[in-house]
Amino acid sequence: RALEAIADWKVDAIVATGDLVNDERPEEYALLSDLLHAAPAPLYLLPGNHDEGAGIRTAFPRHGYLPKDGPLSYVIEDFPVRLVWLDQTVHGETWGDLSEEQAAWLDGALRARPETPAIVAMHHPPFATHDALLDRIGLKHAERFSAVIARHPQVQRIMCGHHHRLVLGEAGDVPVVVA
């Protein structure tokens, strides 16, 4: 039903910000791949705390934008706005972390095209949402993320998942939509 609604909206791209499956089992990724094979727009995947990068890579081999190894962070340049996808999940953990290396990757990705508007997507929101459970398993070192974003005025929006509900906030003076 979701794909039918998306087709009706005639979207330019579909962003899945993680928790693509529940238990990281190969059969879950195979089912997901089968369900999404006819997505009505380009589909861009990010892992969540219920995902595993190798499972995503195996189930979606035609998604050439996925890095061959390491974190599933990447940039899409196919639209008037750059899509910068940041994998800040920690395999085997429910919380996320923005390491110094990931912060440097994000800074470099944004520095590469400062004149082009950008959207950043990630799984864990980069701020406290005042949800007692989900904030305990939120993003560690979120201040690093906000510091990078604050240096890049071309970032127009930040999209996150993790909460499975709508939350609004900001990071580095940029609006954040969690859905």
N, C-alpha and C. Protein backbone atom coordinates (compact mmCIF):
# COMPACT_ATOMS: atom_id res chain seq x y z
N ARG A 1 0.83 -1.20 0.00
CA ARG A 1 0.00 0.00 0.00
C ARG A 1 0.86 1.26 0.00
N ALA A 2 1.98 1.20 0.70
CA ALA A 2 2.86 2.37 0.74
C ALA A 2 3.41 2.69 -0.64
N LEU A 3 3.83 1.65 -1.37
CA LEU A 3 4.37 1.88 -2.72
C LEU A 3 3.30 2.42 -3.65
N GLU A 4 2.06 1.98 -3.50
CA GLU A 4 0.96 2.51 -4.31
C GLU A 4 0.76 3.99 -4.02
N ALA A 5 0.79 4.37 -2.75
CA ALA A 5 0.64 5.78 -2.38
C ALA A 5 1.79 6.61 -2.93
N ILE A 6 2.99 6.08 -2.82
CA ILE A 6 4.16 6.79 -3.35
C ILE A 6 4.03 6.98 -4.85
N ALA A 7 3.54 5.97 -5.57
CA ALA A 7 3.34 6.09 -7.01
C ALA A 7 2.33 7.20 -7.32
N ASP A 8 1.28 7.29 -6.53
CA ASP A 8 0.28 8.35 -6.73
C ASP A 8 0.87 9.73 -6.52
N TRP A 9 1.83 9.84 -5.60
CA TRP A 9 2.44 11.15 -5.31
C TRP A 9 3.46 11.57 -6.37
N LYS A 10 3.87 10.62 -7.22
CA LYS A 10 4.85 10.90 -8.28
C LYS A 10 6.14 11.52 -7.73
N VAL A 11 6.70 10.87 -6.74
CA VAL A 11 7.91 11.37 -6.09
C VAL A 11 9.13 11.19 -6.99
N ASP A 12 10.18 11.96 -6.72
CA ASP A 12 11.43 11.87 -7.46
C ASP A 12 12.35 10.79 -6.90
N ALA A 13 12.22 10.51 -5.61
CA ALA A 13 13.09 9.53 -4.96
C ALA A 13 12.40 9.01 -3.70
N ILE A 14 12.80 7.82 -3.31
CA ILE A 14 12.31 7.19 -2.08
C ILE A 14 13.50 7.01 -1.16
N VAL A 15 13.37 7.48 0.06
CA VAL A 15 14.42 7.38 1.06
C VAL A 15 13.94 6.47 2.18
N ALA A 16 14.66 5.41 2.43
CA ALA A 16 14.35 4.52 3.55
C ALA A 16 15.47 4.70 4.58
N THR A 17 15.14 5.32 5.72
CA THR A 17 16.15 5.70 6.71
C THR A 17 16.36 4.65 7.78
N GLY A 18 16.26 3.40 7.41
CA GLY A 18 16.67 2.34 8.32
C GLY A 18 15.54 1.60 8.98
N ASP A 19 15.96 0.58 9.73
CA ASP A 19 15.06 -0.43 10.27
C ASP A 19 14.28 -1.03 9.11
N LEU A 20 15.04 -1.43 8.10
CA LEU A 20 14.46 -2.03 6.90
C LEU A 20 13.90 -3.41 7.20
N VAL A 21 14.53 -4.11 8.14
CA VAL A 21 14.06 -5.41 8.61
C VAL A 21 14.09 -5.38 10.13
N ASN A 22 13.73 -6.49 10.75
CA ASN A 22 13.67 -6.50 12.21
C ASN A 22 14.83 -7.24 12.86
N ASP A 23 15.23 -8.37 12.28
CA ASP A 23 16.21 -9.22 12.96
C ASP A 23 17.47 -9.51 12.14
N GLU A 24 17.68 -8.80 11.06
CA GLU A 24 18.88 -8.94 10.22
C GLU A 24 19.01 -10.32 9.57
N ARG A 25 17.92 -11.04 9.45
CA ARG A 25 17.98 -12.38 8.86
C ARG A 25 17.98 -12.26 7.32
N PRO A 26 18.73 -13.12 6.63
CA PRO A 26 18.77 -13.08 5.17
C PRO A 26 17.39 -13.17 4.54
N GLU A 27 16.50 -13.99 5.08
CA GLU A 27 15.16 -14.12 4.49
C GLU A 27 14.36 -12.83 4.62
N GLU A 28 14.63 -12.04 5.66
CA GLU A 28 13.95 -10.74 5.77
C GLU A 28 14.41 -9.79 4.67
N TYR A 29 15.73 -9.76 4.43
CA TYR A 29 16.24 -8.91 3.35
C TYR A 29 15.77 -9.39 1.99
N ALA A 30 15.67 -10.70 1.80
CA ALA A 30 15.17 -11.24 0.53
C ALA A 30 13.73 -10.82 0.30
N LEU A 31 12.90 -10.91 1.33
CA LEU A 31 11.50 -10.47 1.22
C LEU A 31 11.43 -8.98 0.93
N LEU A 32 12.23 -8.19 1.64
CA LEU A 32 12.25 -6.74 1.40
C LEU A 32 12.63 -6.44 -0.04
N SER A 33 13.66 -7.10 -0.53
CA SER A 33 14.08 -6.90 -1.92
C SER A 33 12.96 -7.23 -2.90
N ASP A 34 12.26 -8.34 -2.65
CA ASP A 34 11.13 -8.72 -3.50
C ASP A 34 10.03 -7.66 -3.46
N LEU A 35 9.74 -7.15 -2.28
CA LEU A 35 8.67 -6.15 -2.14
C LEU A 35 9.03 -4.83 -2.81
N LEU A 36 10.31 -4.48 -2.79
CA LEU A 36 10.73 -3.18 -3.31
C LEU A 36 11.27 -3.22 -4.73
N HIS A 37 11.26 -4.37 -5.36
CA HIS A 37 11.89 -4.47 -6.69
C HIS A 37 11.23 -3.56 -7.72
N ALA A 38 9.97 -3.26 -7.56
CA ALA A 38 9.27 -2.40 -8.52
C ALA A 38 8.93 -1.04 -7.90
N ALA A 39 9.81 -0.53 -7.08
CA ALA A 39 9.58 0.78 -6.48
C ALA A 39 9.33 1.80 -7.59
N PRO A 40 8.36 2.71 -7.39
CA PRO A 40 7.99 3.64 -8.45
C PRO A 40 8.92 4.85 -8.62
N ALA A 41 10.04 4.85 -7.93
CA ALA A 41 11.03 5.92 -8.04
C ALA A 41 12.36 5.36 -7.57
N PRO A 42 13.47 6.03 -7.88
CA PRO A 42 14.75 5.55 -7.37
C PRO A 42 14.69 5.40 -5.84
N LEU A 43 15.23 4.30 -5.36
CA LEU A 43 15.17 3.93 -3.95
C LEU A 43 16.56 4.01 -3.34
N TYR A 44 16.69 4.76 -2.25
CA TYR A 44 17.97 4.93 -1.57
C TYR A 44 17.83 4.42 -0.14
N LEU A 45 18.70 3.49 0.22
CA LEU A 45 18.59 2.78 1.49
C LEU A 45 19.67 3.21 2.47
N LEU A 46 19.28 3.30 3.72
CA LEU A 46 20.20 3.51 4.83
C LEU A 46 19.92 2.44 5.88
N PRO A 47 20.94 1.95 6.56
CA PRO A 47 20.68 1.00 7.63
C PRO A 47 20.21 1.70 8.90
N GLY A 48 19.42 0.97 9.66
CA GLY A 48 19.03 1.41 10.99
C GLY A 48 19.60 0.45 12.01
N ASN A 49 19.22 0.63 13.25
CA ASN A 49 19.78 -0.21 14.31
C ASN A 49 19.27 -1.65 14.25
N HIS A 50 18.30 -1.96 13.40
CA HIS A 50 17.85 -3.34 13.20
C HIS A 50 18.43 -3.93 11.92
N ASP A 51 19.37 -3.24 11.30
CA ASP A 51 19.91 -3.67 10.01
C ASP A 51 21.38 -4.03 10.11
N GLU A 52 21.84 -4.63 9.03
CA GLU A 52 23.23 -5.03 8.91
C GLU A 52 23.66 -4.76 7.47
N GLY A 53 24.76 -4.04 7.31
CA GLY A 53 25.19 -3.60 5.99
C GLY A 53 25.37 -4.72 4.99
N ALA A 54 25.97 -5.83 5.40
CA ALA A 54 26.19 -6.93 4.46
C ALA A 54 24.86 -7.49 3.96
N GLY A 55 23.87 -7.56 4.81
CA GLY A 55 22.55 -8.05 4.39
C GLY A 55 21.92 -7.14 3.37
N ILE A 56 22.08 -5.84 3.55
CA ILE A 56 21.54 -4.87 2.59
C ILE A 56 22.29 -5.00 1.26
N ARG A 57 23.61 -5.07 1.32
CA ARG A 57 24.40 -5.20 0.08
C ARG A 57 24.03 -6.47 -0.69
N THR A 58 23.84 -7.57 0.03
CA THR A 58 23.52 -8.85 -0.61
C THR A 58 22.13 -8.81 -1.25
N ALA A 59 21.17 -8.23 -0.55
CA ALA A 59 19.79 -8.23 -1.05
C ALA A 59 19.56 -7.22 -2.16
N PHE A 60 20.41 -6.21 -2.26
CA PHE A 60 20.21 -5.14 -3.24
C PHE A 60 21.48 -4.97 -4.09
N PRO A 61 21.88 -6.00 -4.82
CA PRO A 61 23.14 -5.92 -5.59
C PRO A 61 23.09 -4.91 -6.73
N ARG A 62 21.90 -4.57 -7.23
CA ARG A 62 21.81 -3.62 -8.34
C ARG A 62 21.88 -2.18 -7.86
N HIS A 63 21.91 -1.95 -6.57
CA HIS A 63 21.99 -0.60 -6.03
C HIS A 63 23.46 -0.19 -5.98
N GLY A 64 23.96 0.21 -7.13
CA GLY A 64 25.37 0.52 -7.29
C GLY A 64 25.86 1.69 -6.47
N TYR A 65 24.97 2.47 -5.91
CA TYR A 65 25.38 3.58 -5.06
C TYR A 65 25.89 3.11 -3.70
N LEU A 66 25.56 1.88 -3.31
CA LEU A 66 25.99 1.37 -2.00
C LEU A 66 27.49 1.11 -2.02
N PRO A 67 28.22 1.64 -1.05
CA PRO A 67 29.66 1.35 -0.98
C PRO A 67 29.90 -0.15 -0.85
N LYS A 68 30.99 -0.63 -1.43
CA LYS A 68 31.30 -2.07 -1.43
C LYS A 68 31.66 -2.59 -0.04
N ASP A 69 32.21 -1.73 0.81
CA ASP A 69 32.55 -2.14 2.18
C ASP A 69 32.48 -0.91 3.09
N GLY A 70 32.60 -1.15 4.37
CA GLY A 70 32.55 -0.07 5.36
C GLY A 70 31.13 0.43 5.57
N PRO A 71 31.02 1.59 6.20
CA PRO A 71 29.69 2.17 6.45
C PRO A 71 28.95 2.44 5.14
N LEU A 72 27.65 2.36 5.20
CA LEU A 72 26.82 2.63 4.01
C LEU A 72 26.51 4.13 3.92
N SER A 73 27.56 4.94 3.87
CA SER A 73 27.45 6.38 3.67
C SER A 73 27.79 6.67 2.22
N TYR A 74 27.02 7.55 1.59
CA TYR A 74 27.24 7.84 0.18
C TYR A 74 26.55 9.14 -0.21
N VAL A 75 26.86 9.62 -1.41
CA VAL A 75 26.29 10.86 -1.94
C VAL A 75 25.66 10.55 -3.30
N ILE A 76 24.47 11.08 -3.52
CA ILE A 76 23.78 10.97 -4.81
C ILE A 76 23.76 12.35 -5.44
N GLU A 77 24.23 12.42 -6.69
CA GLU A 77 24.34 13.70 -7.40
C GLU A 77 23.34 13.80 -8.55
N ASP A 78 22.30 12.98 -8.58
CA ASP A 78 21.39 12.89 -9.72
C ASP A 78 20.24 13.89 -9.71
N PHE A 79 20.17 14.76 -8.74
CA PHE A 79 19.05 15.67 -8.57
C PHE A 79 19.56 17.10 -8.40
N PRO A 80 18.70 18.10 -8.49
CA PRO A 80 19.15 19.48 -8.26
C PRO A 80 19.68 19.70 -6.84
N VAL A 81 19.29 18.84 -5.92
CA VAL A 81 19.78 18.87 -4.55
C VAL A 81 20.62 17.62 -4.32
N ARG A 82 21.75 17.76 -3.66
CA ARG A 82 22.61 16.60 -3.36
C ARG A 82 22.00 15.82 -2.21
N LEU A 83 22.02 14.51 -2.32
CA LEU A 83 21.53 13.64 -1.27
C LEU A 83 22.75 13.03 -0.59
N VAL A 84 22.95 13.38 0.67
CA VAL A 84 24.11 12.93 1.43
C VAL A 84 23.61 11.98 2.51
N TRP A 85 23.90 10.69 2.36
CA TRP A 85 23.40 9.67 3.27
C TRP A 85 24.51 9.25 4.22
N LEU A 86 24.24 9.37 5.51
CA LEU A 86 25.24 9.11 6.55
C LEU A 86 24.85 7.89 7.37
N ASP A 87 25.65 6.85 7.31
CA ASP A 87 25.44 5.66 8.12
C ASP A 87 26.17 5.85 9.44
N GLN A 88 25.42 6.05 10.51
CA GLN A 88 26.02 6.22 11.83
C GLN A 88 25.56 5.12 12.79
N THR A 89 25.15 3.98 12.21
CA THR A 89 24.74 2.86 13.04
C THR A 89 25.98 2.12 13.57
N VAL A 90 25.79 1.40 14.65
CA VAL A 90 26.85 0.59 15.25
C VAL A 90 26.32 -0.84 15.26
N HIS A 91 26.93 -1.71 14.46
CA HIS A 91 26.41 -3.08 14.32
C HIS A 91 26.31 -3.75 15.68
N GLY A 92 25.16 -4.36 15.92
CA GLY A 92 24.92 -5.07 17.16
C GLY A 92 24.44 -4.21 18.30
N GLU A 93 24.33 -2.91 18.07
CA GLU A 93 23.87 -1.97 19.11
C GLU A 93 22.60 -1.28 18.64
N THR A 94 21.80 -0.82 19.59
CA THR A 94 20.59 -0.09 19.22
C THR A 94 20.85 1.41 19.12
N TRP A 95 21.90 1.90 19.73
CA TRP A 95 22.25 3.30 19.67
C TRP A 95 23.15 3.55 18.44
N GLY A 96 23.22 4.80 18.04
CA GLY A 96 24.10 5.19 16.95
C GLY A 96 25.26 6.00 17.49
N ASP A 97 26.26 6.19 16.67
CA ASP A 97 27.43 6.97 17.10
C ASP A 97 27.99 7.69 15.89
N LEU A 98 28.34 8.93 16.07
CA LEU A 98 29.02 9.67 15.02
C LEU A 98 30.49 9.80 15.43
N SER A 99 31.30 8.91 14.89
CA SER A 99 32.74 8.91 15.20
C SER A 99 33.40 10.12 14.55
N GLU A 100 34.62 10.38 14.95
CA GLU A 100 35.38 11.47 14.34
C GLU A 100 35.58 11.20 12.85
N GLU A 101 35.80 9.93 12.49
CA GLU A 101 35.98 9.57 11.08
C GLU A 101 34.71 9.83 10.27
N GLN A 102 33.56 9.48 10.83
CA GLN A 102 32.30 9.74 10.13
C GLN A 102 32.03 11.23 10.01
N ALA A 103 32.34 11.98 11.06
CA ALA A 103 32.18 13.44 11.00
C ALA A 103 33.08 14.02 9.92
N ALA A 104 34.30 13.51 9.81
CA ALA A 104 35.22 13.99 8.76
C ALA A 104 34.69 13.62 7.38
N TRP A 105 34.13 12.40 7.23
CA TRP A 105 33.55 12.01 5.95
C TRP A 105 32.41 12.96 5.57
N LEU A 106 31.51 13.23 6.51
CA LEU A 106 30.38 14.12 6.25
C LEU A 106 30.87 15.51 5.89
N ASP A 107 31.84 16.04 6.62
CA ASP A 107 32.38 17.36 6.34
C ASP A 107 32.98 17.40 4.93
N GLY A 108 33.73 16.38 4.57
CA GLY A 108 34.32 16.32 3.22
C GLY A 108 33.26 16.22 2.14
N ALA A 109 32.24 15.40 2.37
CA ALA A 109 31.17 15.26 1.37
C ALA A 109 30.45 16.59 1.16
N LEU A 110 30.21 17.32 2.22
CA LEU A 110 29.52 18.61 2.08
C LEU A 110 30.46 19.68 1.52
N ARG A 111 31.73 19.63 1.88
CA ARG A 111 32.70 20.61 1.39
C ARG A 111 32.93 20.46 -0.12
N ALA A 112 32.69 19.27 -0.66
CA ALA A 112 32.95 19.01 -2.08
C ALA A 112 32.08 19.85 -3.00
N ARG A 113 30.88 20.23 -2.60
CA ARG A 113 29.97 21.00 -3.45
C ARG A 113 29.21 22.03 -2.60
N PRO A 114 29.89 23.04 -2.09
CA PRO A 114 29.24 24.00 -1.19
C PRO A 114 28.18 24.87 -1.87
N GLU A 115 28.21 24.93 -3.18
CA GLU A 115 27.25 25.78 -3.91
C GLU A 115 25.94 25.06 -4.20
N THR A 116 25.88 23.75 -3.96
CA THR A 116 24.70 22.96 -4.30
C THR A 116 23.90 22.64 -3.04
N PRO A 117 22.60 22.95 -3.02
CA PRO A 117 21.78 22.59 -1.86
C PRO A 117 21.87 21.11 -1.57
N ALA A 118 21.79 20.77 -0.28
CA ALA A 118 21.94 19.38 0.13
C ALA A 118 20.88 18.99 1.15
N ILE A 119 20.54 17.71 1.12
CA ILE A 119 19.73 17.07 2.16
C ILE A 119 20.60 15.98 2.76
N VAL A 120 20.61 15.89 4.07
CA VAL A 120 21.35 14.84 4.76
C VAL A 120 20.34 13.88 5.36
N ALA A 121 20.57 12.58 5.18
CA ALA A 121 19.72 11.55 5.78
C ALA A 121 20.57 10.67 6.67
N MET A 122 19.97 10.24 7.78
CA MET A 122 20.64 9.34 8.72
C MET A 122 19.55 8.61 9.50
N HIS A 123 19.92 7.67 10.32
CA HIS A 123 18.91 6.91 11.06
C HIS A 123 18.54 7.58 12.39
N HIS A 124 19.49 7.75 13.26
CA HIS A 124 19.22 8.30 14.60
C HIS A 124 19.12 9.83 14.56
N PRO A 125 18.10 10.41 15.19
CA PRO A 125 18.01 11.87 15.25
C PRO A 125 19.21 12.46 16.00
N PRO A 126 19.68 13.63 15.56
CA PRO A 126 20.86 14.23 16.19
C PRO A 126 20.52 15.18 17.34
N PHE A 127 19.45 14.89 18.07
CA PHE A 127 19.06 15.72 19.21
C PHE A 127 18.19 14.89 20.15
N ALA A 128 18.06 15.35 21.38
CA ALA A 128 17.19 14.68 22.34
C ALA A 128 15.74 14.95 21.95
N THR A 129 14.95 13.90 21.96
CA THR A 129 13.53 14.04 21.58
C THR A 129 12.61 13.97 22.78
N HIS A 130 13.18 13.73 23.94
CA HIS A 130 12.42 13.62 25.20
C HIS A 130 11.53 12.39 25.22
N ASP A 131 11.91 11.39 24.47
CA ASP A 131 11.28 10.07 24.53
C ASP A 131 12.24 9.23 25.38
N ALA A 132 11.81 8.84 26.56
CA ALA A 132 12.70 8.20 27.53
C ALA A 132 13.42 6.98 26.96
N LEU A 133 12.73 6.13 26.23
CA LEU A 133 13.37 4.94 25.68
C LEU A 133 14.29 5.28 24.52
N LEU A 134 13.77 5.99 23.54
CA LEU A 134 14.54 6.21 22.31
C LEU A 134 15.72 7.15 22.50
N ASP A 135 15.63 8.07 23.45
CA ASP A 135 16.80 8.91 23.72
C ASP A 135 17.93 8.11 24.35
N ARG A 136 17.62 7.05 25.11
CA ARG A 136 18.66 6.18 25.68
C ARG A 136 19.40 5.42 24.58
N ILE A 137 18.73 5.19 23.46
CA ILE A 137 19.37 4.47 22.35
C ILE A 137 19.48 5.41 21.13
N GLY A 138 19.77 6.67 21.42
CA GLY A 138 19.90 7.68 20.38
C GLY A 138 21.32 7.78 19.84
N LEU A 139 21.63 8.94 19.31
CA LEU A 139 22.93 9.19 18.67
C LEU A 139 23.94 9.72 19.67
N LYS A 140 25.03 8.98 19.84
CA LYS A 140 26.14 9.46 20.65
C LYS A 140 26.98 10.41 19.81
N HIS A 141 27.51 11.41 20.43
CA HIS A 141 28.34 12.44 19.78
C HIS A 141 27.55 13.24 18.75
N ALA A 142 26.29 13.51 19.07
CA ALA A 142 25.44 14.33 18.18
C ALA A 142 26.01 15.73 18.02
N GLU A 143 26.76 16.20 19.00
CA GLU A 143 27.35 17.54 18.89
C GLU A 143 28.32 17.63 17.73
N ARG A 144 28.99 16.52 17.39
CA ARG A 144 29.88 16.50 16.22
C ARG A 144 29.07 16.72 14.94
N PHE A 145 27.93 16.05 14.88
CA PHE A 145 27.06 16.20 13.70
C PHE A 145 26.62 17.65 13.56
N SER A 146 26.10 18.24 14.64
CA SER A 146 25.62 19.63 14.58
C SER A 146 26.74 20.59 14.22
N ALA A 147 27.95 20.34 14.72
CA ALA A 147 29.08 21.21 14.40
C ALA A 147 29.41 21.15 12.90
N VAL A 148 29.37 19.96 12.32
CA VAL A 148 29.62 19.85 10.87
C VAL A 148 28.51 20.55 10.10
N ILE A 149 27.27 20.30 10.43
CA ILE A 149 26.15 20.90 9.72
C ILE A 149 26.21 22.42 9.80
N ALA A 150 26.58 22.96 10.95
CA ALA A 150 26.64 24.41 11.13
C ALA A 150 27.65 25.07 10.19
N ARG A 151 28.65 24.32 9.73
CA ARG A 151 29.66 24.87 8.81
C ARG A 151 29.22 24.85 7.36
N HIS A 152 28.04 24.26 7.07
CA HIS A 152 27.64 24.07 5.68
C HIS A 152 26.23 24.61 5.44
N PRO A 153 26.13 25.88 5.09
CA PRO A 153 24.81 26.50 4.91
C PRO A 153 24.01 25.94 3.73
N GLN A 154 24.63 25.14 2.88
CA GLN A 154 23.89 24.56 1.76
C GLN A 154 22.96 23.44 2.22
N VAL A 155 23.14 22.92 3.44
CA VAL A 155 22.27 21.86 3.94
C VAL A 155 20.91 22.47 4.25
N GLN A 156 19.90 21.98 3.54
CA GLN A 156 18.55 22.53 3.65
C GLN A 156 17.67 21.76 4.62
N ARG A 157 17.86 20.45 4.72
CA ARG A 157 17.04 19.59 5.56
C ARG A 157 17.86 18.39 6.00
N ILE A 158 17.43 17.82 7.12
CA ILE A 158 18.00 16.58 7.62
C ILE A 158 16.83 15.63 7.84
N MET A 159 16.95 14.40 7.34
CA MET A 159 15.90 13.39 7.49
C MET A 159 16.44 12.24 8.33
N CYS A 160 15.60 11.76 9.25
CA CYS A 160 15.99 10.64 10.12
C CYS A 160 14.85 9.66 10.24
N GLY A 161 15.17 8.51 10.81
CA GLY A 161 14.17 7.49 11.12
C GLY A 161 14.20 7.22 12.61
N HIS A 162 14.35 5.96 12.98
CA HIS A 162 14.52 5.47 14.33
C HIS A 162 13.28 5.54 15.21
N HIS A 163 12.56 6.63 15.18
CA HIS A 163 11.44 6.80 16.10
C HIS A 163 10.13 6.19 15.61
N HIS A 164 10.00 5.94 14.33
CA HIS A 164 8.78 5.35 13.78
C HIS A 164 7.57 6.25 14.04
N ARG A 165 7.82 7.52 14.19
CA ARG A 165 6.75 8.53 14.36
C ARG A 165 7.34 9.88 14.01
N LEU A 166 6.49 10.87 13.86
CA LEU A 166 6.95 12.20 13.48
C LEU A 166 7.54 12.93 14.68
N VAL A 167 8.75 13.45 14.49
CA VAL A 167 9.40 14.33 15.46
C VAL A 167 10.06 15.43 14.64
N LEU A 168 9.97 16.66 15.10
CA LEU A 168 10.61 17.79 14.43
C LEU A 168 11.65 18.40 15.36
N GLY A 169 12.72 18.88 14.79
CA GLY A 169 13.76 19.51 15.58
C GLY A 169 14.73 20.23 14.66
N GLU A 170 15.92 20.49 15.18
CA GLU A 170 16.94 21.11 14.34
C GLU A 170 18.32 20.71 14.82
N ALA A 171 19.27 20.82 13.92
CA ALA A 171 20.68 20.55 14.21
C ALA A 171 21.48 21.56 13.40
N GLY A 172 22.33 22.31 14.07
CA GLY A 172 23.12 23.32 13.37
C GLY A 172 22.26 24.32 12.64
N ASP A 173 21.10 24.67 13.20
CA ASP A 173 20.14 25.61 12.63
C ASP A 173 19.45 25.10 11.37
N VAL A 174 19.51 23.81 11.13
CA VAL A 174 18.85 23.19 9.96
C VAL A 174 17.66 22.36 10.46
N PRO A 175 16.49 22.50 9.82
CA PRO A 175 15.34 21.69 10.24
C PRO A 175 15.59 20.19 10.06
N VAL A 176 15.15 19.43 11.07
CA VAL A 176 15.27 17.98 11.05
C VAL A 176 13.85 17.41 11.09
N VAL A 177 13.58 16.46 10.19
CA VAL A 177 12.30 15.75 10.17
C VAL A 177 12.60 14.29 10.46
N VAL A 178 12.00 13.77 11.51
CA VAL A 178 12.12 12.36 11.88
C VAL A 178 10.77 11.73 11.56
N ALA A 179 10.81 10.67 10.76
CA ALA A 179 9.55 10.01 10.38
C ALA A 179 9.78 8.52 10.19
